[in-house]
Each structure stands twice: as C-alpha cells, then as structure tokens.
C-alpha cells in the first residue's frame, strides 16, 4: 500500500512539473508563428512565467501579438 502512495506522489510531482513546461512550449510555438522568432528577451519572459495564470495570460497575449514588443510588458 505504501508503495502505491509513493508512486502516486512521484507521478503527481512529474505531472505538476510537466504542465508549466508544456504550456511554455505552447507559448513559444505561438510566438514563433505570429512573430517569426522567439528572441532572447521574449524567451526570458516565457521562462519567467511561473504560475498557470501567468502562462495563460502570456499564451493569450501571444495569440494576439502583432510584434515582439506586444509580449514584453509585465504579465498580469
């Protein structure tokens, strides 16, 4: 029984770490399509987004972006 709990704990931890990483990859893909590249400045903004809410806001901003500068402001 204890082993099942440990496996669940590790699996949960992996899932929690994978979600933001996957979301960051999604944002990078959208930026690449809309802006043409992911500059180091934009990459730093993407990497700096730590919460699910920040990543969602950045994803939405990337969908509407017309230029790289649209992505460089603070994330709400």
C-alpha atoms as a PDB file:
ATOM      1  CA  UNK A   1       0.000   0.000   0.000  1.00  0.00           C
ATOM      2  CA  UNK A   2       2.786   2.439   0.886  1.00  0.00           C
ATOM      3  CA  UNK A   3       4.362   1.848  -2.497  1.00  0.00           C
ATOM      4  CA  UNK A   4       1.149   2.910  -4.268  1.00  0.00           C
ATOM      5  CA  UNK A   5       1.133   6.178  -2.332  1.00  0.00           C
ATOM      6  CA  UNK A   6       4.802   6.826  -3.181  1.00  0.00           C
ATOM      7  CA  UNK A   7       4.205   6.150  -6.873  1.00  0.00           C
ATOM      8  CA  UNK A   8       1.211   8.455  -6.866  1.00  0.00           C
ATOM      9  CA  UNK A   9       3.263  11.148  -5.169  1.00  0.00           C
ATOM     10  CA  UNK A  10       6.052  10.908  -7.750  1.00  0.00           C
ATOM     11  CA  UNK A  11       3.578  10.749 -10.616  1.00  0.00           C
ATOM     12  CA  UNK A  12       1.760  13.808  -9.275  1.00  0.00           C
ATOM     13  CA  UNK A  13       5.024  15.689  -8.977  1.00  0.00           C
ATOM     14  CA  UNK A  14       6.012  14.834 -12.544  1.00  0.00           C
ATOM     15  CA  UNK A  15       2.579  15.932 -13.789  1.00  0.00           C
ATOM     16  CA  UNK A  16       2.847  19.221 -11.893  1.00  0.00           C
ATOM     17  CA  UNK A  17       6.276  19.908 -13.399  1.00  0.00           C
ATOM     18  CA  UNK A  18       5.250  18.894 -16.919  1.00  0.00           C
ATOM     19  CA  UNK A  19       2.224  21.179 -17.154  1.00  0.00           C
ATOM     20  CA  UNK A  20       4.094  24.518 -16.991  1.00  0.00           C
ATOM     21  CA  UNK A  21       6.852  23.183 -19.250  1.00  0.00           C
ATOM     22  CA  UNK A  22       4.298  22.114 -21.853  1.00  0.00           C
ATOM     23  CA  UNK A  23       2.495  25.441 -21.578  1.00  0.00           C
ATOM     24  CA  UNK A  24       5.788  27.300 -22.125  1.00  0.00           C
ATOM     25  CA  UNK A  25       6.424  25.210 -25.244  1.00  0.00           C
ATOM     26  CA  UNK A  26       2.933  26.101 -26.488  1.00  0.00           C
ATOM     27  CA  UNK A  27       3.601  29.809 -25.960  1.00  0.00           C
ATOM     28  CA  UNK A  28       6.921  29.534 -27.804  1.00  0.00           C
ATOM     29  CA  UNK A  29       5.208  27.879 -30.779  1.00  0.00           C
ATOM     30  CA  UNK A  30       2.545  30.591 -30.961  1.00  0.00           C
ATOM     31  CA  UNK A  31       5.187  33.328 -30.746  1.00  0.00           C
ATOM     32  CA  UNK A  32       7.194  31.631 -33.490  1.00  0.00           C
ATOM     33  CA  UNK A  33       4.156  31.576 -35.782  1.00  0.00           C
ATOM     34  CA  UNK A  34       2.911  35.106 -35.057  1.00  0.00           C
ATOM     35  CA  UNK A  35       6.199  36.980 -34.693  1.00  0.00           C
ATOM     36  CA  UNK A  36       8.554  34.769 -36.672  1.00  0.00           C
ATOM     37  CA  UNK A  37      11.061  34.066 -33.913  1.00  0.00           C
ATOM     38  CA  UNK A  38      11.492  33.817 -30.170  1.00  0.00           C
ATOM     39  CA  UNK A  39      14.067  36.423 -29.177  1.00  0.00           C
ATOM     40  CA  UNK A  40      16.132  36.078 -26.005  1.00  0.00           C
ATOM     41  CA  UNK A  41      14.011  38.823 -24.367  1.00  0.00           C
ATOM     42  CA  UNK A  42      10.755  37.046 -25.166  1.00  0.00           C
ATOM     43  CA  UNK A  43      12.292  33.728 -24.130  1.00  0.00           C
ATOM     44  CA  UNK A  44      13.145  35.266 -20.765  1.00  0.00           C
ATOM     45  CA  UNK A  45       9.550  36.472 -20.343  1.00  0.00           C
ATOM     46  CA  UNK A  46       8.262  32.991 -21.154  1.00  0.00           C
ATOM     47  CA  UNK A  47      10.732  31.323 -18.791  1.00  0.00           C
ATOM     48  CA  UNK A  48       9.883  33.799 -16.056  1.00  0.00           C
ATOM     49  CA  UNK A  49       6.165  32.998 -16.107  1.00  0.00           C
ATOM     50  CA  UNK A  50       5.788  30.741 -13.074  1.00  0.00           C
ATOM     51  CA  UNK A  51       2.075  30.365 -12.476  1.00  0.00           C
ATOM     52  CA  UNK A  52      -0.646  28.778 -14.560  1.00  0.00           C
ATOM     53  CA  UNK A  53      -2.422  32.142 -14.666  1.00  0.00           C
ATOM     54  CA  UNK A  54       0.689  33.939 -15.929  1.00  0.00           C
ATOM     55  CA  UNK A  55       1.279  31.312 -18.606  1.00  0.00           C
ATOM     56  CA  UNK A  56      -2.359  31.511 -19.724  1.00  0.00           C
ATOM     57  CA  UNK A  57      -2.169  35.312 -19.918  1.00  0.00           C
ATOM     58  CA  UNK A  58       1.055  35.074 -21.905  1.00  0.00           C
ATOM     59  CA  UNK A  59      -0.481  32.499 -24.242  1.00  0.00           C
ATOM     60  CA  UNK A  60      -3.463  34.783 -24.871  1.00  0.00           C
ATOM     61  CA  UNK A  61      -1.136  37.730 -25.445  1.00  0.00           C
ATOM     62  CA  UNK A  62       0.945  35.664 -27.893  1.00  0.00           C
ATOM     63  CA  UNK A  63      -2.179  34.782 -29.888  1.00  0.00           C
ATOM     64  CA  UNK A  64      -2.969  38.475 -30.348  1.00  0.00           C
ATOM     65  CA  UNK A  65       0.627  39.667 -30.832  1.00  0.00           C
ATOM     66  CA  UNK A  66       1.475  41.564 -33.981  1.00  0.00           C
ATOM     67  CA  UNK A  67       5.031  42.367 -32.924  1.00  0.00           C
ATOM     68  CA  UNK A  68       7.593  41.213 -30.406  1.00  0.00           C
ATOM     69  CA  UNK A  69       7.016  44.315 -28.268  1.00  0.00           C
ATOM     70  CA  UNK A  70       3.469  43.098 -27.603  1.00  0.00           C
ATOM     71  CA  UNK A  71       4.984  40.308 -25.498  1.00  0.00           C
ATOM     72  CA  UNK A  72       7.494  42.265 -23.437  1.00  0.00           C
ATOM     73  CA  UNK A  73       5.212  44.040 -20.945  1.00  0.00           C
ATOM     74  CA  UNK A  74       4.532  42.783 -17.438  1.00  0.00           C
ATOM     75  CA  UNK A  75       2.287  39.762 -17.144  1.00  0.00           C
ATOM     76  CA  UNK A  76      -0.887  40.427 -15.180  1.00  0.00           C
END
